[in-house]
């Protein structure tokens, strides 16, 4: 199973990438386990599990930790945005 990942705003800067395609190992089938899996990449990636306000979208639809991830999906991660 391969998915496309997008990182926005401060996440993109912290992780040093805006987009990537990755194969998922067995057992990674939802947004929550995907975040945990990505966090194993190292210190900068820990933000994906430390940030309680991190938002996710699967195929451009807001998604919680239990949202399923399937082959070919696009998963985006972004911090909450404020404006004025």
PDB file of N, CA and C in Angstrom:
ATOM      1  N   UNK A   1       0.852  -1.171   0.000  1.00  0.00           N
ATOM      2  CA  UNK A   1       0.000   0.000   0.000  1.00  0.00           C
ATOM      3  C   UNK A   1       0.896   1.232   0.000  1.00  0.00           C
ATOM      4  N   UNK A   2       0.648   2.122  -0.930  1.00  0.00           N
ATOM      5  CA  UNK A   2       1.405   3.368  -1.027  1.00  0.00           C
ATOM      6  C   UNK A   2       0.451   4.543  -0.906  1.00  0.00           C
ATOM      7  N   UNK A   3       0.861   5.551  -0.128  1.00  0.00           N
ATOM      8  CA  UNK A   3       0.059   6.753   0.031  1.00  0.00           C
ATOM      9  C   UNK A   3       0.911   7.982  -0.242  1.00  0.00           C
ATOM     10  N   UNK A   4       0.240   9.088  -0.505  1.00  0.00           N
ATOM     11  CA  UNK A   4       0.907  10.368  -0.706  1.00  0.00           C
ATOM     12  C   UNK A   4       0.697  11.193   0.556  1.00  0.00           C
ATOM     13  N   UNK A   5       1.780  11.761   1.072  1.00  0.00           N
ATOM     14  CA  UNK A   5       1.729  12.591   2.274  1.00  0.00           C
ATOM     15  C   UNK A   5       2.037  14.034   1.913  1.00  0.00           C
ATOM     16  N   UNK A   6       1.276  14.941   2.500  1.00  0.00           N
ATOM     17  CA  UNK A   6       1.499  16.374   2.330  1.00  0.00           C
ATOM     18  C   UNK A   6       1.690  16.988   3.707  1.00  0.00           C
ATOM     19  N   UNK A   7       2.654  17.902   3.812  1.00  0.00           N
ATOM     20  CA  UNK A   7       2.927  18.599   5.069  1.00  0.00           C
ATOM     21  C   UNK A   7       2.834  20.100   4.792  1.00  0.00           C
ATOM     22  N   UNK A   8       2.110  20.820   5.647  1.00  0.00           N
ATOM     23  CA  UNK A   8       1.873  22.235   5.414  1.00  0.00           C
ATOM     24  C   UNK A   8       2.427  23.108   6.532  1.00  0.00           C
ATOM     25  N   UNK A   9       2.648  24.367   6.176  1.00  0.00           N
ATOM     26  CA  UNK A   9       3.031  25.433   7.102  1.00  0.00           C
ATOM     27  C   UNK A   9       4.282  25.061   7.903  1.00  0.00           C
ATOM     28  N   UNK A  10       4.218  25.232   9.223  1.00  0.00           N
ATOM     29  CA  UNK A  10       5.398  24.996  10.058  1.00  0.00           C
ATOM     30  C   UNK A  10       5.842  23.535  10.036  1.00  0.00           C
ATOM     31  N   UNK A  11       4.937  22.613   9.770  1.00  0.00           N
ATOM     32  CA  UNK A  11       5.332  21.197   9.651  1.00  0.00           C
ATOM     33  C   UNK A  11       6.273  21.004   8.468  1.00  0.00           C
ATOM     34  N   UNK A  12       5.940  21.621   7.358  1.00  0.00           N
ATOM     35  CA  UNK A  12       6.782  21.516   6.161  1.00  0.00           C
ATOM     36  C   UNK A  12       8.194  22.017   6.464  1.00  0.00           C
ATOM     37  N   UNK A  13       8.278  23.113   7.170  1.00  0.00           N
ATOM     38  CA  UNK A  13       9.586  23.680   7.518  1.00  0.00           C
ATOM     39  C   UNK A  13      10.340  22.783   8.500  1.00  0.00           C
ATOM     40  N   UNK A  14       9.655  22.294   9.514  1.00  0.00           N
ATOM     41  CA  UNK A  14      10.299  21.466  10.532  1.00  0.00           C
ATOM     42  C   UNK A  14      10.774  20.128   9.973  1.00  0.00           C
ATOM     43  N   UNK A  15       9.994  19.554   9.057  1.00  0.00           N
ATOM     44  CA  UNK A  15      10.315  18.236   8.520  1.00  0.00           C
ATOM     45  C   UNK A  15      11.198  18.298   7.275  1.00  0.00           C
ATOM     46  N   UNK A  16      11.301  19.477   6.680  1.00  0.00           N
ATOM     47  CA  UNK A  16      12.162  19.636   5.514  1.00  0.00           C
ATOM     48  C   UNK A  16      11.604  19.048   4.235  1.00  0.00           C
ATOM     49  N   UNK A  17      10.292  18.823   4.207  1.00  0.00           N
ATOM     50  CA  UNK A  17       9.666  18.286   3.001  1.00  0.00           C
ATOM     51  C   UNK A  17       8.209  18.735   2.953  1.00  0.00           C
ATOM     52  N   UNK A  18       7.694  18.879   1.748  1.00  0.00           N
ATOM     53  CA  UNK A  18       6.299  19.263   1.573  1.00  0.00           C
ATOM     54  C   UNK A  18       5.440  18.089   1.120  1.00  0.00           C
ATOM     55  N   UNK A  19       6.058  17.151   0.409  1.00  0.00           N
ATOM     56  CA  UNK A  19       5.293  16.037  -0.147  1.00  0.00           C
ATOM     57  C   UNK A  19       6.183  14.817  -0.301  1.00  0.00           C
ATOM     58  N   UNK A  20       5.611  13.644  -0.104  1.00  0.00           N
ATOM     59  CA  UNK A  20       6.331  12.396  -0.331  1.00  0.00           C
ATOM     60  C   UNK A  20       5.325  11.280  -0.547  1.00  0.00           C
ATOM     61  N   UNK A  21       5.772  10.235  -1.197  1.00  0.00           N
ATOM     62  CA  UNK A  21       4.981   9.014  -1.326  1.00  0.00           C
ATOM     63  C   UNK A  21       5.726   7.921  -0.586  1.00  0.00           C
ATOM     64  N   UNK A  22       4.984   7.187   0.246  1.00  0.00           N
ATOM     65  CA  UNK A  22       5.625   6.142   1.036  1.00  0.00           C
ATOM     66  C   UNK A  22       4.796   4.854   0.995  1.00  0.00           C
ATOM     67  N   UNK A  23       5.474   3.727   1.057  1.00  0.00           N
ATOM     68  CA  UNK A  23       4.759   2.465   1.261  1.00  0.00           C
ATOM     69  C   UNK A  23       4.495   2.309   2.755  1.00  0.00           C
ATOM     70  N   UNK A  24       3.333   1.815   3.093  1.00  0.00           N
ATOM     71  CA  UNK A  24       3.013   1.618   4.503  1.00  0.00           C
ATOM     72  C   UNK A  24       3.267   0.186   4.919  1.00  0.00           C
ATOM     73  N   UNK A  25       3.868   0.005   6.086  1.00  0.00           N
ATOM     74  CA  UNK A  25       4.068  -1.354   6.586  1.00  0.00           C
ATOM     75  C   UNK A  25       2.744  -1.946   7.064  1.00  0.00           C
ATOM     76  N   UNK A  26       2.700  -3.235   7.192  1.00  0.00           N
ATOM     77  CA  UNK A  26       1.516  -3.907   7.734  1.00  0.00           C
ATOM     78  C   UNK A  26       1.192  -3.327   9.102  1.00  0.00           C
ATOM     79  N   UNK A  27      -0.062  -3.169   9.378  1.00  0.00           N
ATOM     80  CA  UNK A  27      -0.481  -2.657  10.678  1.00  0.00           C
ATOM     81  C   UNK A  27      -0.731  -1.167  10.715  1.00  0.00           C
ATOM     82  N   UNK A  28      -0.327  -0.461   9.677  1.00  0.00           N
ATOM     83  CA  UNK A  28      -0.589   0.974   9.612  1.00  0.00           C
ATOM     84  C   UNK A  28      -1.758   1.168   8.660  1.00  0.00           C
ATOM     85  N   UNK A  29      -2.948   1.369   9.244  1.00  0.00           N
ATOM     86  CA  UNK A  29      -4.142   1.461   8.420  1.00  0.00           C
ATOM     87  C   UNK A  29      -5.053   2.614   8.761  1.00  0.00           C
ATOM     88  N   UNK A  30      -4.615   3.480   9.703  1.00  0.00           N
ATOM     89  CA  UNK A  30      -5.418   4.652  10.029  1.00  0.00           C
ATOM     90  C   UNK A  30      -4.495   5.834  10.327  1.00  0.00           C
ATOM     91  N   UNK A  31      -5.085   6.998  10.458  1.00  0.00           N
ATOM     92  CA  UNK A  31      -4.302   8.225  10.640  1.00  0.00           C
ATOM     93  C   UNK A  31      -3.484   8.176  11.927  1.00  0.00           C
ATOM     94  N   UNK A  32      -4.050   7.665  12.994  1.00  0.00           N
ATOM     95  CA  UNK A  32      -3.331   7.610  14.266  1.00  0.00           C
ATOM     96  C   UNK A  32      -2.085   6.750  14.208  1.00  0.00           C
ATOM     97  N   UNK A  33      -2.196   5.547  13.646  1.00  0.00           N
ATOM     98  CA  UNK A  33      -1.019   4.683  13.554  1.00  0.00           C
ATOM     99  C   UNK A  33      -0.043   5.209  12.511  1.00  0.00           C
ATOM    100  N   UNK A  34      -0.535   5.923  11.517  1.00  0.00           N
ATOM    101  CA  UNK A  34       0.366   6.554  10.552  1.00  0.00           C
ATOM    102  C   UNK A  34       1.212   7.616  11.241  1.00  0.00           C
ATOM    103  N   UNK A  35       0.598   8.437  12.066  1.00  0.00           N
ATOM    104  CA  UNK A  35       1.358   9.460  12.804  1.00  0.00           C
ATOM    105  C   UNK A  35       2.428   8.811  13.678  1.00  0.00           C
ATOM    106  N   UNK A  36       2.064   7.748  14.381  1.00  0.00           N
ATOM    107  CA  UNK A  36       3.020   7.043  15.239  1.00  0.00           C
ATOM    108  C   UNK A  36       4.152   6.449  14.408  1.00  0.00           C
ATOM    109  N   UNK A  37       3.812   5.859  13.284  1.00  0.00           N
ATOM    110  CA  UNK A  37       4.826   5.286  12.386  1.00  0.00           C
ATOM    111  C   UNK A  37       5.800   6.359  11.902  1.00  0.00           C
ATOM    112  N   UNK A  38       5.277   7.489  11.454  1.00  0.00           N
ATOM    113  CA  UNK A  38       6.141   8.560  10.954  1.00  0.00           C
ATOM    114  C   UNK A  38       7.026   9.132  12.064  1.00  0.00           C
ATOM    115  N   UNK A  39       6.531   9.173  13.276  1.00  0.00           N
ATOM    116  CA  UNK A  39       7.301   9.711  14.403  1.00  0.00           C
ATOM    117  C   UNK A  39       8.545   8.887  14.698  1.00  0.00           C
ATOM    118  N   UNK A  40       8.592   7.640  14.256  1.00  0.00           N
ATOM    119  CA  UNK A  40       9.771   6.811  14.498  1.00  0.00           C
ATOM    120  C   UNK A  40      10.950   7.237  13.624  1.00  0.00           C
ATOM    121  N   UNK A  41      10.733   8.158  12.712  1.00  0.00           N
ATOM    122  CA  UNK A  41      11.805   8.624  11.823  1.00  0.00           C
ATOM    123  C   UNK A  41      12.856   9.468  12.536  1.00  0.00           C
ATOM    124  N   UNK A  42      12.531  10.010  13.696  1.00  0.00           N
ATOM    125  CA  UNK A  42      13.532  10.798  14.408  1.00  0.00           C
ATOM    126  C   UNK A  42      12.932  11.991  15.127  1.00  0.00           C
ATOM    127  N   UNK A  43      13.823  12.788  15.699  1.00  0.00           N
ATOM    128  CA  UNK A  43      13.413  13.890  16.568  1.00  0.00           C
ATOM    129  C   UNK A  43      12.431  14.859  15.924  1.00  0.00           C
ATOM    130  N   UNK A  44      12.741  15.376  14.742  1.00  0.00           N
ATOM    131  CA  UNK A  44      11.859  16.351  14.095  1.00  0.00           C
ATOM    132  C   UNK A  44      10.470  15.762  13.876  1.00  0.00           C
ATOM    133  N   UNK A  45      10.405  14.485  13.602  1.00  0.00           N
ATOM    134  CA  UNK A  45       9.140  13.820  13.296  1.00  0.00           C
ATOM    135  C   UNK A  45       8.271  13.594  14.531  1.00  0.00           C
ATOM    136  N   UNK A  46       8.837  13.730  15.713  1.00  0.00           N
ATOM    137  CA  UNK A  46       8.081  13.562  16.949  1.00  0.00           C
ATOM    138  C   UNK A  46       6.944  14.573  17.073  1.00  0.00           C
ATOM    139  N   UNK A  47       7.034  15.676  16.369  1.00  0.00           N
ATOM    140  CA  UNK A  47       5.971  16.679  16.396  1.00  0.00           C
ATOM    141  C   UNK A  47       4.632  16.071  15.967  1.00  0.00           C
ATOM    142  N   UNK A  48       4.673  15.043  15.155  1.00  0.00           N
ATOM    143  CA  UNK A  48       3.444  14.417  14.680  1.00  0.00           C
ATOM    144  C   UNK A  48       2.672  13.707  15.785  1.00  0.00           C
ATOM    145  N   UNK A  49       3.346  13.310  16.848  1.00  0.00           N
ATOM    146  CA  UNK A  49       2.655  12.669  17.967  1.00  0.00           C
ATOM    147  C   UNK A  49       2.578  13.578  19.192  1.00  0.00           C
ATOM    148  N   UNK A  50       3.450  14.552  19.278  1.00  0.00           N
ATOM    149  CA  UNK A  50       3.449  15.467  20.425  1.00  0.00           C
ATOM    150  C   UNK A  50       2.370  16.526  20.312  1.00  0.00           C
ATOM    151  N   UNK A  51       2.103  16.988  19.122  1.00  0.00           N
ATOM    152  CA  UNK A  51       1.153  18.082  18.916  1.00  0.00           C
ATOM    153  C   UNK A  51      -0.281  17.582  19.006  1.00  0.00           C
ATOM    154  N   UNK A  52      -0.986  18.036  20.024  1.00  0.00           N
ATOM    155  CA  UNK A  52      -2.381  17.633  20.186  1.00  0.00           C
ATOM    156  C   UNK A  52      -3.303  18.384  19.233  1.00  0.00           C
ATOM    157  N   UNK A  53      -2.850  19.510  18.702  1.00  0.00           N
ATOM    158  CA  UNK A  53      -3.681  20.325  17.825  1.00  0.00           C
ATOM    159  C   UNK A  53      -3.426  20.067  16.351  1.00  0.00           C
ATOM    160  N   UNK A  54      -2.607  19.095  16.044  1.00  0.00           N
ATOM    161  CA  UNK A  54      -2.301  18.771  14.657  1.00  0.00           C
ATOM    162  C   UNK A  54      -3.560  18.302  13.942  1.00  0.00           C
ATOM    163  N   UNK A  55      -3.771  18.819  12.751  1.00  0.00           N
ATOM    164  CA  UNK A  55      -4.938  18.446  11.945  1.00  0.00           C
ATOM    165  C   UNK A  55      -4.508  17.497  10.845  1.00  0.00           C
ATOM    166  N   UNK A  56      -5.445  16.670  10.411  1.00  0.00           N
ATOM    167  CA  UNK A  56      -5.182  15.742   9.310  1.00  0.00           C
ATOM    168  C   UNK A  56      -6.376  15.733   8.375  1.00  0.00           C
ATOM    169  N   UNK A  57      -6.092  15.438   7.126  1.00  0.00           N
ATOM    170  CA  UNK A  57      -7.143  15.264   6.127  1.00  0.00           C
ATOM    171  C   UNK A  57      -6.776  14.056   5.275  1.00  0.00           C
ATOM    172  N   UNK A  58      -7.782  13.258   4.947  1.00  0.00           N
ATOM    173  CA  UNK A  58      -7.602  12.129   4.042  1.00  0.00           C
ATOM    174  C   UNK A  58      -8.425  12.434   2.804  1.00  0.00           C
ATOM    175  N   UNK A  59      -7.737  12.506   1.676  1.00  0.00           N
ATOM    176  CA  UNK A  59      -8.390  12.842   0.405  1.00  0.00           C
ATOM    177  C   UNK A  59      -9.198  14.133   0.510  1.00  0.00           C
ATOM    178  N   UNK A  60      -8.592  15.124   1.158  1.00  0.00           N
ATOM    179  CA  UNK A  60      -9.112  16.478   1.303  1.00  0.00           C
ATOM    180  C   UNK A  60     -10.358  16.570   2.181  1.00  0.00           C
ATOM    181  N   UNK A  61     -10.562  15.571   3.038  1.00  0.00           N
ATOM    182  CA  UNK A  61     -11.647  15.589   4.016  1.00  0.00           C
ATOM    183  C   UNK A  61     -11.033  15.514   5.405  1.00  0.00           C
ATOM    184  N   UNK A  62     -11.421  16.428   6.289  1.00  0.00           N
ATOM    185  CA  UNK A  62     -10.891  16.408   7.646  1.00  0.00           C
ATOM    186  C   UNK A  62     -11.069  15.009   8.237  1.00  0.00           C
ATOM    187  N   UNK A  63     -10.044  14.566   8.973  1.00  0.00           N
ATOM    188  CA  UNK A  63     -10.048  13.191   9.467  1.00  0.00           C
ATOM    189  C   UNK A  63      -9.457  13.119  10.867  1.00  0.00           C
ATOM    190  N   UNK A  64     -10.050  12.288  11.690  1.00  0.00           N
ATOM    191  CA  UNK A  64      -9.536  12.033  13.026  1.00  0.00           C
ATOM    192  C   UNK A  64      -8.565  10.862  13.015  1.00  0.00           C
ATOM    193  N   UNK A  65      -8.070  10.524  14.185  1.00  0.00           N
ATOM    194  CA  UNK A  65      -7.066   9.468  14.315  1.00  0.00           C
ATOM    195  C   UNK A  65      -7.570   8.111  13.838  1.00  0.00           C
ATOM    196  N   UNK A  66      -8.866   7.863  13.943  1.00  0.00           N
ATOM    197  CA  UNK A  66      -9.416   6.558  13.566  1.00  0.00           C
ATOM    198  C   UNK A  66      -9.750   6.448  12.075  1.00  0.00           C
ATOM    199  N   UNK A  67      -9.568   7.537  11.326  1.00  0.00           N
ATOM    200  CA  UNK A  67      -9.895   7.511   9.897  1.00  0.00           C
ATOM    201  C   UNK A  67      -8.998   6.519   9.163  1.00  0.00           C
ATOM    202  N   UNK A  68      -9.599   5.677   8.365  1.00  0.00           N
ATOM    203  CA  UNK A  68      -8.873   4.650   7.619  1.00  0.00           C
ATOM    204  C   UNK A  68      -8.051   5.276   6.500  1.00  0.00           C
ATOM    205  N   UNK A  69      -6.924   4.641   6.202  1.00  0.00           N
ATOM    206  CA  UNK A  69      -6.037   5.040   5.116  1.00  0.00           C
ATOM    207  C   UNK A  69      -5.923   3.852   4.165  1.00  0.00           C
ATOM    208  N   UNK A  70      -6.166   4.103   2.885  1.00  0.00           N
ATOM    209  CA  UNK A  70      -6.142   3.023   1.893  1.00  0.00           C
ATOM    210  C   UNK A  70      -5.126   3.334   0.793  1.00  0.00           C
ATOM    211  N   UNK A  71      -4.800   2.316   0.039  1.00  0.00           N
ATOM    212  CA  UNK A  71      -3.854   2.451  -1.063  1.00  0.00           C
ATOM    213  C   UNK A  71      -4.256   3.607  -1.978  1.00  0.00           C
ATOM    214  N   UNK A  72      -3.302   4.464  -2.289  1.00  0.00           N
ATOM    215  CA  UNK A  72      -3.535   5.585  -3.186  1.00  0.00           C
ATOM    216  C   UNK A  72      -4.094   6.829  -2.524  1.00  0.00           C
ATOM    217  N   UNK A  73      -4.390   6.771  -1.232  1.00  0.00           N
ATOM    218  CA  UNK A  73      -4.935   7.938  -0.544  1.00  0.00           C
ATOM    219  C   UNK A  73      -3.902   9.053  -0.432  1.00  0.00           C
ATOM    220  N   UNK A  74      -4.423  10.259  -0.278  1.00  0.00           N
ATOM    221  CA  UNK A  74      -3.603  11.432   0.001  1.00  0.00           C
ATOM    222  C   UNK A  74      -3.908  11.837   1.439  1.00  0.00           C
ATOM    223  N   UNK A  75      -2.863  11.911   2.264  1.00  0.00           N
ATOM    224  CA  UNK A  75      -3.017  12.300   3.659  1.00  0.00           C
ATOM    225  C   UNK A  75      -2.226  13.565   3.893  1.00  0.00           C
ATOM    226  N   UNK A  76      -2.907  14.594   4.401  1.00  0.00           N
ATOM    227  CA  UNK A  76      -2.270  15.879   4.665  1.00  0.00           C
ATOM    228  C   UNK A  76      -2.238  16.130   6.162  1.00  0.00           C
ATOM    229  N   UNK A  77      -1.137  16.682   6.626  1.00  0.00           N
ATOM    230  CA  UNK A  77      -0.987  17.086   8.021  1.00  0.00           C
ATOM    231  C   UNK A  77      -0.704  18.573   8.063  1.00  0.00           C
ATOM    232  N   UNK A  78      -1.364  19.268   8.977  1.00  0.00           N
ATOM    233  CA  UNK A  78      -1.132  20.704   9.093  1.00  0.00           C
ATOM    234  C   UNK A  78      -1.480  21.183  10.493  1.00  0.00           C
ATOM    235  N   UNK A  79      -0.759  22.204  10.957  1.00  0.00           N
ATOM    236  CA  UNK A  79      -1.061  22.762  12.258  1.00  0.00           C
ATOM    237  C   UNK A  79      -2.328  23.605  12.158  1.00  0.00           C
ATOM    238  N   UNK A  80      -2.985  23.863  13.294  1.00  0.00           N
ATOM    239  CA  UNK A  80      -4.166  24.737  13.241  1.00  0.00           C
ATOM    240  C   UNK A  80      -3.741  26.118  12.744  1.00  0.00           C
ATOM    241  N   UNK A  81      -4.613  26.757  12.026  1.00  0.00           N
ATOM    242  CA  UNK A  81      -4.314  28.059  11.423  1.00  0.00           C
ATOM    243  C   UNK A  81      -5.207  29.109  12.059  1.00  0.00           C
ATOM    244  N   UNK A  82      -4.602  30.229  12.413  1.00  0.00           N
ATOM    245  CA  UNK A  82      -5.388  31.347  12.919  1.00  0.00           C
ATOM    246  C   UNK A  82      -5.150  32.533  12.000  1.00  0.00           C
ATOM    247  N   UNK A  83      -6.048  33.406  12.012  1.00  0.00           N
ATOM    248  CA  UNK A  83      -5.902  34.602  11.164  1.00  0.00           C
ATOM    249  C   UNK A  83      -6.696  35.746  11.742  1.00  0.00           C
ATOM    250  N   UNK A  84      -6.552  36.858  11.096  1.00  0.00           N
ATOM    251  CA  UNK A  84      -7.277  38.005  11.620  1.00  0.00           C
ATOM    252  C   UNK A  84      -7.416  39.073  10.609  1.00  0.00           C
TER     253      UNK A  84
END
